[in-house]
Amino acid sequence: MLIGDVARRSGVSARMLRHYEELGLVRPTGRSVSGYREYSDENIRRIFHIESLRSLGLSLREVGRALGDPGFTPAGLVEDLVRRTRERIAAETELLTRLRRIGAAEPTGWEDVLHTVALLQALGSPNPQARQRAALSAAGDAPVPVEALVEAVLNEPDPGVAGALRWTLAQCGDEALPQLARGLGAARAEVRERAVRSLAEIPGDAATGLLREALAGPDPVVRGQAALALGARGAADAVPELIDMIVGERKDADAADALAVLARDPGPADRIATGIVGRLTHGALGAAARRRLAQALADVPGVTSSRALAGLARDEDRAVALTAAYVLTLRRTR
C-alpha cells in the first residue's frame, strides 16, 4: 500500500508518516517502481499501535521504547503518565478557576483584569503579610472576585489575615453569602468555624438567617459562634445555646456577655432568667456550672432572676452560695 493510501486509511498525514520513518518507528517494506514508499499490513498495524500509545500521552521517544524493547514493562510508564496527567489537570483546573473568578469580577478594562490577577496571586502568597495586604486592598474600588476571598478566608490559618479577609467580605455584603453557606457544611471543622465567624461580620437579614441555620446544626463550635453573633444582633433564639455554653464552659464568659446584651430588653431578659432557672431546676449541674450561672444572672434584671439568685445563695456549695450572695448585693446596690 502506498503512503497516500496509508494516510487516508489511518488518518496519519503523509508528512507524519515520513517523520515516523526518520525516527525509526515505522520502516516501509520498500518502494514502488515510481519511487513511492510501500507499506505492508504489518506496517499499518504498527502505525495504529503508535497512534494508540500516543493517545495515552506518550511521547514518540516513549512509543519507540515501548514498541522496540521486548522486555519493556508498561507499569512504571503508565504510573508516570497518571502522575503527569493529574498534574496537568490540576494546572488546567487552577487556570480555569482563575479565569472564572476574573470573569465574575466583571472587569471593565485590562487594568481591572491585571488588578484581579495580582490580587489572586497575592492571596496565594506563602507570606502572611502579603496575604493581609491583599485582603485589605481588595476593599478598594476595583472589581473583587468574591469567591476567591471566601475561599481564602475559609482556608486562612493566620488570625490577622483572617480578620482582614472577614472585614473585606463584610464590605461585599450578601454577595459572599452563598459560598459562606456552603462553608458551613464543610467536612473540616475549622472551615465551618471560619464560615460562621465570617457570617457574623456581615450585616443584614440574609446573614442573620444563615446564622440561625448554623445555630440549629450539629457542630457545637459552629452553634456557639452562631449564638454569640445572634446574641450581638439581639436575637433571643440564641438564649438556649448561650446558656448551654455557660453550663458546658464553652466560651462561657463571651456567652454571659451576650446574655447581658440581650437582657437589656425585658422580653429576652425574662426568657434568659426562665432558661437559667430551668437548667438549675431540672439539670444535674456541678457546682462550677451553678456558680457560672449565678454570675451570668448578675446582668439579668427581674423577679425571676432575683429568686434564682436567692435560691443559689443557700446552695450547699460554699463558693456557689457566696457568688450568688455577692451578685444579690450588687443588684441591691444598683
C-alpha atoms as a PDB file:
ATOM      1  CA  MET A   1       0.000   0.000   0.000  1.00  0.00           C
ATOM      2  CA  LEU A   2       1.381   3.397  -0.976  1.00  0.00           C
ATOM      3  CA  ILE A   3       1.888   6.230   1.503  1.00  0.00           C
ATOM      4  CA  GLY A   4      -1.109   8.210   0.277  1.00  0.00           C
ATOM      5  CA  ASP A   5      -3.448   5.259   0.771  1.00  0.00           C
ATOM      6  CA  VAL A   6      -1.999   4.619   4.243  1.00  0.00           C
ATOM      7  CA  ALA A   7      -2.521   8.280   5.177  1.00  0.00           C
ATOM      8  CA  ARG A   8      -6.168   8.163   4.111  1.00  0.00           C
ATOM      9  CA  ARG A   9      -6.894   4.907   5.939  1.00  0.00           C
ATOM     10  CA  SER A  10      -5.008   5.653   9.145  1.00  0.00           C
ATOM     11  CA  GLY A  11      -5.731   9.359   9.473  1.00  0.00           C
ATOM     12  CA  VAL A  12      -1.988   9.999   9.869  1.00  0.00           C
ATOM     13  CA  SER A  13      -0.640  12.553   7.415  1.00  0.00           C
ATOM     14  CA  ALA A  14       1.979  11.587   4.892  1.00  0.00           C
ATOM     15  CA  ARG A  15       4.308  14.123   6.491  1.00  0.00           C
ATOM     16  CA  MET A  16       3.933  12.436   9.889  1.00  0.00           C
ATOM     17  CA  LEU A  17       4.457   9.011   8.329  1.00  0.00           C
ATOM     18  CA  ARG A  18       7.738  10.251   6.882  1.00  0.00           C
ATOM     19  CA  HIS A  19       8.632  11.589  10.353  1.00  0.00           C
ATOM     20  CA  TYR A  20       7.922   8.164  11.852  1.00  0.00           C
ATOM     21  CA  GLU A  21      10.287   6.676   9.293  1.00  0.00           C
ATOM     22  CA  GLU A  22      13.028   9.184  10.187  1.00  0.00           C
ATOM     23  CA  LEU A  23      12.690   8.216  13.863  1.00  0.00           C
ATOM     24  CA  GLY A  24      12.791   4.521  13.022  1.00  0.00           C
ATOM     25  CA  LEU A  25       9.291   3.874  14.308  1.00  0.00           C
ATOM     26  CA  VAL A  26       7.920   2.541  11.021  1.00  0.00           C
ATOM     27  CA  ARG A  27      10.060   1.286   8.163  1.00  0.00           C
ATOM     28  CA  PRO A  28       8.245   0.842   4.823  1.00  0.00           C
ATOM     29  CA  THR A  29       8.805  -2.548   3.220  1.00  0.00           C
ATOM     30  CA  GLY A  30      10.188  -0.946   0.063  1.00  0.00           C
ATOM     31  CA  ARG A  31       9.435   1.428  -2.758  1.00  0.00           C
ATOM     32  CA  SER A  32       7.334   1.147  -5.869  1.00  0.00           C
ATOM     33  CA  VAL A  33       8.728   1.360  -9.407  1.00  0.00           C
ATOM     34  CA  SER A  34       7.832   5.044  -9.277  1.00  0.00           C
ATOM     35  CA  GLY A  35       9.774   5.509  -6.029  1.00  0.00           C
ATOM     36  CA  TYR A  36       6.824   5.789  -3.646  1.00  0.00           C
ATOM     37  CA  ARG A  37       7.014   4.192  -0.229  1.00  0.00           C
ATOM     38  CA  GLU A  38       5.137   0.910   0.141  1.00  0.00           C
ATOM     39  CA  TYR A  39       3.684  -0.270   3.452  1.00  0.00           C
ATOM     40  CA  SER A  40       2.793  -3.838   4.420  1.00  0.00           C
ATOM     41  CA  ASP A  41      -0.127  -4.916   6.607  1.00  0.00           C
ATOM     42  CA  GLU A  42       2.364  -5.250   9.473  1.00  0.00           C
ATOM     43  CA  ASN A  43       3.470  -1.625   8.919  1.00  0.00           C
ATOM     44  CA  ILE A  44      -0.128  -0.463   9.093  1.00  0.00           C
ATOM     45  CA  ARG A  45      -0.760  -2.403  12.316  1.00  0.00           C
ATOM     46  CA  ARG A  46       2.343  -0.769  13.801  1.00  0.00           C
ATOM     47  CA  ILE A  47       1.084   2.688  12.785  1.00  0.00           C
ATOM     48  CA  PHE A  48      -2.167   2.035  14.627  1.00  0.00           C
ATOM     49  CA  HIS A  49      -0.191   0.841  17.652  1.00  0.00           C
ATOM     50  CA  ILE A  50       1.833   4.073  17.585  1.00  0.00           C
ATOM     51  CA  GLU A  51      -1.298   6.197  17.426  1.00  0.00           C
ATOM     52  CA  SER A  52      -2.906   4.250  20.266  1.00  0.00           C
ATOM     53  CA  LEU A  53       0.087   4.820  22.529  1.00  0.00           C
ATOM     54  CA  ARG A  54       0.266   8.491  21.567  1.00  0.00           C
ATOM     55  CA  SER A  55      -3.381   8.847  22.555  1.00  0.00           C
ATOM     56  CA  LEU A  56      -2.326   7.889  26.109  1.00  0.00           C
ATOM     57  CA  GLY A  57       0.068  10.830  26.230  1.00  0.00           C
ATOM     58  CA  LEU A  58       3.309   9.017  25.394  1.00  0.00           C
ATOM     59  CA  SER A  59       5.977  10.942  23.556  1.00  0.00           C
ATOM     60  CA  LEU A  60       7.315   9.457  20.314  1.00  0.00           C
ATOM     61  CA  ARG A  61      10.529   8.521  22.138  1.00  0.00           C
ATOM     62  CA  GLU A  62       8.483   6.613  24.749  1.00  0.00           C
ATOM     63  CA  VAL A  63       6.464   4.973  21.965  1.00  0.00           C
ATOM     64  CA  GLY A  64       9.694   3.808  20.374  1.00  0.00           C
ATOM     65  CA  ARG A  65      10.858   2.316  23.667  1.00  0.00           C
ATOM     66  CA  ALA A  66       7.545   0.586  24.230  1.00  0.00           C
ATOM     67  CA  LEU A  67       7.420  -0.980  20.764  1.00  0.00           C
ATOM     68  CA  GLY A  68      11.114  -1.628  20.281  1.00  0.00           C
ATOM     69  CA  ASP A  69      12.130  -3.242  23.560  1.00  0.00           C
ATOM     70  CA  PRO A  70      10.734  -6.782  24.032  1.00  0.00           C
ATOM     71  CA  GLY A  71      11.484  -6.599  27.762  1.00  0.00           C
ATOM     72  CA  PHE A  72       9.780  -3.254  28.261  1.00  0.00           C
ATOM     73  CA  THR A  73       7.216  -3.279  31.091  1.00  0.00           C
ATOM     74  CA  PRO A  74       4.442  -0.678  30.899  1.00  0.00           C
ATOM     75  CA  ALA A  75       3.580  -0.445  34.613  1.00  0.00           C
ATOM     76  CA  GLY A  76       6.147   2.212  35.508  1.00  0.00           C
ATOM     77  CA  LEU A  77       5.429   4.280  32.423  1.00  0.00           C
ATOM     78  CA  VAL A  78       1.677   4.114  32.976  1.00  0.00           C
ATOM     79  CA  GLU A  79       2.161   5.245  36.593  1.00  0.00           C
ATOM     80  CA  ASP A  80       4.252   8.165  35.379  1.00  0.00           C
ATOM     81  CA  LEU A  81       1.571   9.041  32.818  1.00  0.00           C
ATOM     82  CA  VAL A  82      -1.055   9.029  35.551  1.00  0.00           C
ATOM     83  CA  ARG A  83       1.052  11.410  37.639  1.00  0.00           C
ATOM     84  CA  ARG A  84       1.691  13.760  34.719  1.00  0.00           C
ATOM     85  CA  THR A  85      -1.973  13.726  33.750  1.00  0.00           C
ATOM     86  CA  ARG A  86      -3.039  14.627  37.276  1.00  0.00           C
ATOM     87  CA  GLU A  87      -0.549  17.479  37.361  1.00  0.00           C
ATOM     88  CA  ARG A  88      -1.825  18.745  34.012  1.00  0.00           C
ATOM     89  CA  ILE A  89      -5.446  18.515  35.153  1.00  0.00           C
ATOM     90  CA  ALA A  90      -4.625  20.367  38.384  1.00  0.00           C
ATOM     91  CA  ALA A  91      -2.853  23.123  36.456  1.00  0.00           C
ATOM     92  CA  GLU A  92      -5.713  23.443  33.982  1.00  0.00           C
ATOM     93  CA  THR A  93      -8.270  23.434  36.781  1.00  0.00           C
ATOM     94  CA  GLU A  94      -6.377  26.179  38.578  1.00  0.00           C
ATOM     95  CA  LEU A  95      -6.264  28.229  35.389  1.00  0.00           C
ATOM     96  CA  LEU A  96      -9.981  27.662  34.767  1.00  0.00           C
ATOM     97  CA  THR A  97     -10.801  28.746  38.322  1.00  0.00           C
ATOM     98  CA  ARG A  98      -8.687  31.869  37.968  1.00  0.00           C
ATOM     99  CA  LEU A  99     -10.309  32.786  34.643  1.00  0.00           C
ATOM    100  CA  ARG A 100     -13.785  32.185  36.070  1.00  0.00           C
ATOM    101  CA  ARG A 101     -13.036  34.428  39.034  1.00  0.00           C
ATOM    102  CA  ILE A 102     -11.687  37.169  36.814  1.00  0.00           C
ATOM    103  CA  GLY A 103     -14.881  36.948  34.776  1.00  0.00           C
ATOM    104  CA  ALA A 104     -17.042  37.007  37.912  1.00  0.00           C
ATOM    105  CA  ALA A 105     -15.382  40.275  38.947  1.00  0.00           C
ATOM    106  CA  GLU A 106     -16.808  41.784  35.719  1.00  0.00           C
ATOM    107  CA  PRO A 107     -13.725  43.771  34.710  1.00  0.00           C
ATOM    108  CA  THR A 108     -14.388  46.793  32.534  1.00  0.00           C
ATOM    109  CA  GLY A 109     -10.862  47.010  31.157  1.00  0.00           C
ATOM    110  CA  TRP A 110      -7.438  45.403  31.184  1.00  0.00           C
ATOM    111  CA  GLU A 111      -6.439  47.422  34.241  1.00  0.00           C
ATOM    112  CA  ASP A 112      -9.195  45.637  36.172  1.00  0.00           C
ATOM    113  CA  VAL A 113      -8.009  42.269  34.847  1.00  0.00           C
ATOM    114  CA  LEU A 114      -4.413  42.958  35.893  1.00  0.00           C
ATOM    115  CA  HIS A 115      -5.584  44.133  39.322  1.00  0.00           C
ATOM    116  CA  THR A 116      -7.579  40.940  39.825  1.00  0.00           C
ATOM    117  CA  VAL A 117      -4.692  38.724  38.692  1.00  0.00           C
ATOM    118  CA  ALA A 118      -2.333  40.490  41.103  1.00  0.00           C
ATOM    119  CA  LEU A 119      -4.858  40.117  43.913  1.00  0.00           C
ATOM    120  CA  LEU A 120      -5.301  36.386  43.277  1.00  0.00           C
ATOM    121  CA  GLN A 121      -1.540  35.866  43.233  1.00  0.00           C
ATOM    122  CA  ALA A 122      -1.100  37.811  46.483  1.00  0.00           C
ATOM    123  CA  LEU A 123      -3.876  35.851  48.206  1.00  0.00           C
ATOM    124  CA  GLY A 124      -1.958  32.679  47.381  1.00  0.00           C
ATOM    125  CA  SER A 125       1.345  34.019  48.719  1.00  0.00           C
ATOM    126  CA  PRO A 126       3.156  31.997  51.419  1.00  0.00           C
ATOM    127  CA  ASN A 127       3.827  35.294  53.217  1.00  0.00           C
ATOM    128  CA  PRO A 128       1.020  36.190  55.708  1.00  0.00           C
ATOM    129  CA  GLN A 129       1.815  39.907  55.446  1.00  0.00           C
ATOM    130  CA  ALA A 130       1.399  39.791  51.667  1.00  0.00           C
ATOM    131  CA  ARG A 131      -1.924  37.994  52.056  1.00  0.00           C
ATOM    132  CA  GLN A 132      -3.085  40.542  54.621  1.00  0.00           C
ATOM    133  CA  ARG A 133      -2.163  43.475  52.378  1.00  0.00           C
ATOM    134  CA  ALA A 134      -4.013  41.803  49.515  1.00  0.00           C
ATOM    135  CA  ALA A 135      -7.096  41.293  51.671  1.00  0.00           C
ATOM    136  CA  LEU A 136      -7.180  44.936  52.709  1.00  0.00           C
ATOM    137  CA  SER A 137      -6.502  46.202  49.179  1.00  0.00           C
ATOM    138  CA  ALA A 138      -9.447  44.178  47.890  1.00  0.00           C
ATOM    139  CA  ALA A 139     -11.821  46.607  49.567  1.00  0.00           C
ATOM    140  CA  GLY A 140     -10.934  49.341  47.035  1.00  0.00           C
ATOM    141  CA  ASP A 141     -12.874  50.467  44.001  1.00  0.00           C
ATOM    142  CA  ALA A 142     -11.560  47.807  41.605  1.00  0.00           C
ATOM    143  CA  PRO A 143     -13.696  44.696  40.933  1.00  0.00           C
ATOM    144  CA  VAL A 144     -13.248  41.998  43.567  1.00  0.00           C
ATOM    145  CA  PRO A 145     -13.513  38.215  42.951  1.00  0.00           C
ATOM    146  CA  VAL A 146     -15.706  37.446  45.968  1.00  0.00           C
ATOM    147  CA  GLU A 147     -15.439  33.685  45.507  1.00  0.00           C
ATOM    148  CA  ALA A 148     -11.653  33.918  45.828  1.00  0.00           C
ATOM    149  CA  LEU A 149     -11.967  35.976  49.010  1.00  0.00           C
ATOM    150  CA  VAL A 150     -14.358  33.427  50.520  1.00  0.00           C
ATOM    151  CA  GLU A 151     -12.057  30.535  49.636  1.00  0.00           C
ATOM    152  CA  ALA A 152      -9.157  32.460  51.148  1.00  0.00           C
ATOM    153  CA  VAL A 153     -10.932  33.196  54.429  1.00  0.00           C
ATOM    154  CA  LEU A 154     -12.167  29.607  54.779  1.00  0.00           C
ATOM    155  CA  ASN A 155      -8.610  28.281  54.446  1.00  0.00           C
ATOM    156  CA  GLU A 156      -6.665  31.039  56.224  1.00  0.00           C
ATOM    157  CA  PRO A 157      -4.855  29.829  59.382  1.00  0.00           C
ATOM    158  CA  ASP A 158      -3.327  33.204  60.328  1.00  0.00           C
ATOM    159  CA  PRO A 159      -5.684  35.173  62.660  1.00  0.00           C
ATOM    160  CA  GLY A 160      -4.537  38.586  61.401  1.00  0.00           C
ATOM    161  CA  VAL A 161      -5.013  37.695  57.747  1.00  0.00           C
ATOM    162  CA  ALA A 162      -8.360  36.039  58.507  1.00  0.00           C
ATOM    163  CA  GLY A 163      -9.555  39.176  60.280  1.00  0.00           C
ATOM    164  CA  ALA A 164      -8.617  41.335  57.281  1.00  0.00           C
ATOM    165  CA  LEU A 165     -10.399  38.949  54.925  1.00  0.00           C
ATOM    166  CA  ARG A 166     -13.553  38.928  57.076  1.00  0.00           C
ATOM    167  CA  TRP A 167     -13.565  42.734  57.126  1.00  0.00           C
ATOM    168  CA  THR A 168     -13.258  42.862  53.340  1.00  0.00           C
ATOM    169  CA  LEU A 169     -16.021  40.286  52.879  1.00  0.00           C
ATOM    170  CA  ALA A 170     -18.274  42.343  55.133  1.00  0.00           C
ATOM    171  CA  GLN A 171     -17.933  45.179  52.604  1.00  0.00           C
ATOM    172  CA  CYS A 172     -19.157  42.793  49.881  1.00  0.00           C
ATOM    173  CA  GLY A 173     -22.395  42.144  51.779  1.00  0.00           C
ATOM    174  CA  ASP A 174     -24.812  39.461  50.615  1.00  0.00           C
ATOM    175  CA  GLU A 175     -22.698  38.576  47.581  1.00  0.00           C
ATOM    176  CA  ALA A 176     -20.483  36.413  49.773  1.00  0.00           C
ATOM    177  CA  LEU A 177     -23.327  34.535  51.466  1.00  0.00           C
ATOM    178  CA  PRO A 178     -23.832  31.572  49.057  1.00  0.00           C
ATOM    179  CA  GLN A 179     -20.186  30.491  49.308  1.00  0.00           C
ATOM    180  CA  LEU A 180     -20.105  31.000  53.077  1.00  0.00           C
ATOM    181  CA  ALA A 181     -23.289  28.939  53.401  1.00  0.00           C
ATOM    182  CA  ARG A 182     -21.509  26.070  51.662  1.00  0.00           C
ATOM    183  CA  GLY A 183     -18.617  26.536  54.068  1.00  0.00           C
ATOM    184  CA  LEU A 184     -20.978  25.820  56.971  1.00  0.00           C
ATOM    185  CA  GLY A 185     -21.361  22.280  55.622  1.00  0.00           C
ATOM    186  CA  ALA A 186     -17.658  21.648  55.006  1.00  0.00           C
ATOM    187  CA  ALA A 187     -16.101  18.408  56.185  1.00  0.00           C
ATOM    188  CA  ARG A 188     -13.340  20.160  58.165  1.00  0.00           C
ATOM    189  CA  ALA A 189     -14.383  21.659  61.499  1.00  0.00           C
ATOM    190  CA  GLU A 190     -12.029  24.629  61.187  1.00  0.00           C
ATOM    191  CA  VAL A 191     -13.574  25.590  57.853  1.00  0.00           C
ATOM    192  CA  ARG A 192     -17.072  25.505  59.364  1.00  0.00           C
ATOM    193  CA  GLU A 193     -15.929  27.742  62.211  1.00  0.00           C
ATOM    194  CA  ARG A 194     -14.306  30.214  59.818  1.00  0.00           C
ATOM    195  CA  ALA A 195     -17.504  30.339  57.783  1.00  0.00           C
ATOM    196  CA  VAL A 196     -19.701  31.226  60.750  1.00  0.00           C
ATOM    197  CA  ARG A 197     -17.174  33.799  62.013  1.00  0.00           C
ATOM    198  CA  SER A 198     -17.276  35.445  58.596  1.00  0.00           C
ATOM    199  CA  LEU A 199     -21.078  35.423  58.568  1.00  0.00           C
ATOM    200  CA  ALA A 200     -21.073  37.090  61.982  1.00  0.00           C
ATOM    201  CA  GLU A 201     -19.427  40.178  60.494  1.00  0.00           C
ATOM    202  CA  ILE A 202     -21.828  40.559  57.568  1.00  0.00           C
ATOM    203  CA  PRO A 203     -24.845  42.703  58.448  1.00  0.00           C
ATOM    204  CA  GLY A 204     -28.372  42.155  57.206  1.00  0.00           C
ATOM    205  CA  ASP A 205     -31.294  39.768  57.451  1.00  0.00           C
ATOM    206  CA  ALA A 206     -29.882  37.254  54.983  1.00  0.00           C
ATOM    207  CA  ALA A 207     -26.730  36.719  57.048  1.00  0.00           C
ATOM    208  CA  THR A 208     -28.827  36.532  60.213  1.00  0.00           C
ATOM    209  CA  GLY A 209     -30.913  33.794  58.577  1.00  0.00           C
ATOM    210  CA  LEU A 210     -27.811  31.742  57.832  1.00  0.00           C
ATOM    211  CA  LEU A 211     -26.619  32.218  61.408  1.00  0.00           C
ATOM    212  CA  ARG A 212     -29.955  30.841  62.608  1.00  0.00           C
ATOM    213  CA  GLU A 213     -29.457  27.807  60.375  1.00  0.00           C
ATOM    214  CA  ALA A 214     -25.985  27.348  61.862  1.00  0.00           C
ATOM    215  CA  LEU A 215     -27.492  27.620  65.350  1.00  0.00           C
ATOM    216  CA  ALA A 216     -29.603  24.541  64.593  1.00  0.00           C
ATOM    217  CA  GLY A 217     -26.681  22.496  63.263  1.00  0.00           C
ATOM    218  CA  PRO A 218     -24.905  19.527  64.878  1.00  0.00           C
ATOM    219  CA  ASP A 219     -21.488  21.159  65.366  1.00  0.00           C
ATOM    220  CA  PRO A 220     -21.226  22.661  68.886  1.00  0.00           C
ATOM    221  CA  VAL A 221     -18.415  25.037  67.872  1.00  0.00           C
ATOM    222  CA  VAL A 222     -20.457  26.400  64.968  1.00  0.00           C
ATOM    223  CA  ARG A 223     -23.561  26.621  67.154  1.00  0.00           C
ATOM    224  CA  GLY A 224     -21.606  28.559  69.760  1.00  0.00           C
ATOM    225  CA  GLN A 225     -20.186  31.042  67.268  1.00  0.00           C
ATOM    226  CA  ALA A 226     -23.633  31.494  65.724  1.00  0.00           C
ATOM    227  CA  ALA A 227     -25.209  32.048  69.150  1.00  0.00           C
ATOM    228  CA  LEU A 228     -22.656  34.720  70.041  1.00  0.00           C
ATOM    229  CA  ALA A 229     -23.261  36.505  66.743  1.00  0.00           C
ATOM    230  CA  LEU A 230     -27.031  36.280  67.064  1.00  0.00           C
ATOM    231  CA  GLY A 231     -26.876  37.496  70.647  1.00  0.00           C
ATOM    232  CA  ALA A 232     -24.963  40.557  69.479  1.00  0.00           C
ATOM    233  CA  ARG A 233     -27.758  41.141  66.945  1.00  0.00           C
ATOM    234  CA  GLY A 234     -30.429  40.953  69.639  1.00  0.00           C
ATOM    235  CA  ALA A 235     -31.825  37.591  68.511  1.00  0.00           C
ATOM    236  CA  ALA A 236     -33.431  35.942  71.534  1.00  0.00           C
ATOM    237  CA  ASP A 237     -33.487  32.490  69.906  1.00  0.00           C
ATOM    238  CA  ALA A 238     -29.776  32.286  70.769  1.00  0.00           C
ATOM    239  CA  VAL A 239     -30.566  32.174  74.509  1.00  0.00           C
ATOM    240  CA  PRO A 240     -30.747  28.355  74.979  1.00  0.00           C
ATOM    241  CA  GLU A 241     -27.417  27.800  73.247  1.00  0.00           C
ATOM    242  CA  LEU A 242     -25.772  30.624  75.192  1.00  0.00           C
ATOM    243  CA  ILE A 243     -26.956  29.063  78.463  1.00  0.00           C
ATOM    244  CA  ASP A 244     -25.623  25.677  77.287  1.00  0.00           C
ATOM    245  CA  MET A 245     -22.271  27.317  76.592  1.00  0.00           C
ATOM    246  CA  ILE A 246     -22.114  28.686  80.143  1.00  0.00           C
ATOM    247  CA  VAL A 247     -23.026  25.309  81.610  1.00  0.00           C
ATOM    248  CA  GLY A 248     -20.555  23.472  79.391  1.00  0.00           C
ATOM    249  CA  GLU A 249     -17.807  26.075  79.910  1.00  0.00           C
ATOM    250  CA  ARG A 250     -17.556  26.748  76.181  1.00  0.00           C
ATOM    251  CA  LYS A 251     -16.581  30.395  75.832  1.00  0.00           C
ATOM    252  CA  ASP A 252     -18.752  30.923  78.886  1.00  0.00           C
ATOM    253  CA  ALA A 253     -17.533  34.478  79.528  1.00  0.00           C
ATOM    254  CA  ASP A 254     -18.425  35.500  75.972  1.00  0.00           C
ATOM    255  CA  ALA A 255     -21.792  33.763  76.293  1.00  0.00           C
ATOM    256  CA  ALA A 256     -22.522  35.594  79.560  1.00  0.00           C
ATOM    257  CA  ASP A 257     -21.652  38.898  77.875  1.00  0.00           C
ATOM    258  CA  ALA A 258     -24.035  38.092  75.016  1.00  0.00           C
ATOM    259  CA  LEU A 259     -26.806  37.296  77.509  1.00  0.00           C
ATOM    260  CA  ALA A 260     -26.136  40.601  79.257  1.00  0.00           C
ATOM    261  CA  VAL A 261     -26.660  42.443  75.952  1.00  0.00           C
ATOM    262  CA  LEU A 262     -29.889  40.573  75.287  1.00  0.00           C
ATOM    263  CA  ALA A 263     -31.117  41.164  78.850  1.00  0.00           C
ATOM    264  CA  ARG A 264     -31.335  44.903  78.224  1.00  0.00           C
ATOM    265  CA  ASP A 265     -34.756  44.243  76.713  1.00  0.00           C
ATOM    266  CA  PRO A 266     -37.486  42.931  79.039  1.00  0.00           C
ATOM    267  CA  GLY A 267     -38.653  40.119  76.745  1.00  0.00           C
ATOM    268  CA  PRO A 268     -35.307  38.388  76.314  1.00  0.00           C
ATOM    269  CA  ALA A 269     -34.413  39.120  79.959  1.00  0.00           C
ATOM    270  CA  ASP A 270     -37.367  37.079  81.175  1.00  0.00           C
ATOM    271  CA  ARG A 271     -36.553  34.307  78.728  1.00  0.00           C
ATOM    272  CA  ILE A 272     -32.935  34.216  79.939  1.00  0.00           C
ATOM    273  CA  ALA A 273     -33.961  34.059  83.600  1.00  0.00           C
ATOM    274  CA  THR A 274     -36.530  31.336  82.911  1.00  0.00           C
ATOM    275  CA  GLY A 275     -33.992  29.330  80.905  1.00  0.00           C
ATOM    276  CA  ILE A 276     -31.367  29.518  83.649  1.00  0.00           C
ATOM    277  CA  VAL A 277     -33.904  28.565  86.319  1.00  0.00           C
ATOM    278  CA  GLY A 278     -34.924  25.596  84.171  1.00  0.00           C
ATOM    279  CA  ARG A 279     -31.342  24.398  83.955  1.00  0.00           C
ATOM    280  CA  LEU A 280     -30.851  24.818  87.690  1.00  0.00           C
ATOM    281  CA  THR A 281     -34.093  23.008  88.491  1.00  0.00           C
ATOM    282  CA  HIS A 282     -34.027  20.126  86.051  1.00  0.00           C
ATOM    283  CA  GLY A 283     -30.342  19.682  85.249  1.00  0.00           C
ATOM    284  CA  ALA A 284     -27.895  17.733  87.387  1.00  0.00           C
ATOM    285  CA  LEU A 285     -25.314  20.501  87.353  1.00  0.00           C
ATOM    286  CA  GLY A 286     -21.984  20.551  89.082  1.00  0.00           C
ATOM    287  CA  ALA A 287     -21.007  23.304  91.487  1.00  0.00           C
ATOM    288  CA  ALA A 288     -18.812  25.063  88.932  1.00  0.00           C
ATOM    289  CA  ALA A 289     -21.688  25.247  86.407  1.00  0.00           C
ATOM    290  CA  ARG A 290     -24.051  26.589  89.092  1.00  0.00           C
ATOM    291  CA  ARG A 291     -21.527  29.248  90.020  1.00  0.00           C
ATOM    292  CA  ARG A 292     -21.150  30.331  86.371  1.00  0.00           C
ATOM    293  CA  LEU A 293     -24.931  30.589  86.028  1.00  0.00           C
ATOM    294  CA  ALA A 294     -25.086  32.695  89.182  1.00  0.00           C
ATOM    295  CA  GLN A 295     -22.517  35.044  87.687  1.00  0.00           C
ATOM    296  CA  ALA A 296     -24.491  35.220  84.441  1.00  0.00           C
ATOM    297  CA  LEU A 297     -27.629  36.237  86.376  1.00  0.00           C
ATOM    298  CA  ALA A 298     -25.847  39.367  87.602  1.00  0.00           C
ATOM    299  CA  ASP A 299     -26.837  41.296  84.482  1.00  0.00           C
ATOM    300  CA  VAL A 300     -30.313  39.791  84.070  1.00  0.00           C
ATOM    301  CA  PRO A 301     -32.937  42.002  85.719  1.00  0.00           C
ATOM    302  CA  GLY A 302     -36.322  40.900  87.014  1.00  0.00           C
ATOM    303  CA  VAL A 303     -38.016  38.988  89.775  1.00  0.00           C
ATOM    304  CA  THR A 304     -37.306  35.564  88.290  1.00  0.00           C
ATOM    305  CA  SER A 305     -33.544  36.061  88.278  1.00  0.00           C
ATOM    306  CA  SER A 306     -33.614  37.543  91.799  1.00  0.00           C
ATOM    307  CA  ARG A 307     -35.454  34.479  93.111  1.00  0.00           C
ATOM    308  CA  ALA A 308     -32.994  32.198  91.345  1.00  0.00           C
ATOM    309  CA  LEU A 309     -30.079  34.017  92.982  1.00  0.00           C
ATOM    310  CA  ALA A 310     -31.757  33.853  96.386  1.00  0.00           C
ATOM    311  CA  GLY A 311     -32.007  30.090  95.990  1.00  0.00           C
ATOM    312  CA  LEU A 312     -28.379  29.832  94.882  1.00  0.00           C
ATOM    313  CA  ALA A 313     -27.326  31.901  97.917  1.00  0.00           C
ATOM    314  CA  ARG A 314     -28.431  28.894 100.010  1.00  0.00           C
ATOM    315  CA  ASP A 315     -26.566  26.410  97.801  1.00  0.00           C
ATOM    316  CA  GLU A 316     -24.761  23.568  99.539  1.00  0.00           C
ATOM    317  CA  ASP A 317     -21.550  24.558  97.817  1.00  0.00           C
ATOM    318  CA  ARG A 318     -19.982  27.478  99.637  1.00  0.00           C
ATOM    319  CA  ALA A 319     -18.427  29.035  96.511  1.00  0.00           C
ATOM    320  CA  VAL A 320     -21.784  28.993  94.704  1.00  0.00           C
ATOM    321  CA  ALA A 321     -23.592  30.456  97.741  1.00  0.00           C
ATOM    322  CA  LEU A 322     -21.035  33.236  98.188  1.00  0.00           C
ATOM    323  CA  THR A 323     -21.135  34.108  94.463  1.00  0.00           C
ATOM    324  CA  ALA A 324     -24.928  34.321  94.441  1.00  0.00           C
ATOM    325  CA  ALA A 325     -24.999  36.379  97.658  1.00  0.00           C
ATOM    326  CA  TYR A 326     -22.428  38.785  96.231  1.00  0.00           C
ATOM    327  CA  VAL A 327     -24.446  39.170  92.989  1.00  0.00           C
ATOM    328  CA  LEU A 328     -27.574  39.890  95.020  1.00  0.00           C
ATOM    329  CA  THR A 329     -25.702  42.549  96.998  1.00  0.00           C
ATOM    330  CA  LEU A 330     -24.598  44.178  93.731  1.00  0.00           C
ATOM    331  CA  ARG A 331     -28.159  44.161  92.434  1.00  0.00           C
ATOM    332  CA  ARG A 332     -29.480  45.850  95.568  1.00  0.00           C
ATOM    333  CA  THR A 333     -26.723  48.481  95.332  1.00  0.00           C
ATOM    334  CA  ARG A 334     -27.738  49.254  91.761  1.00  0.00           C
END
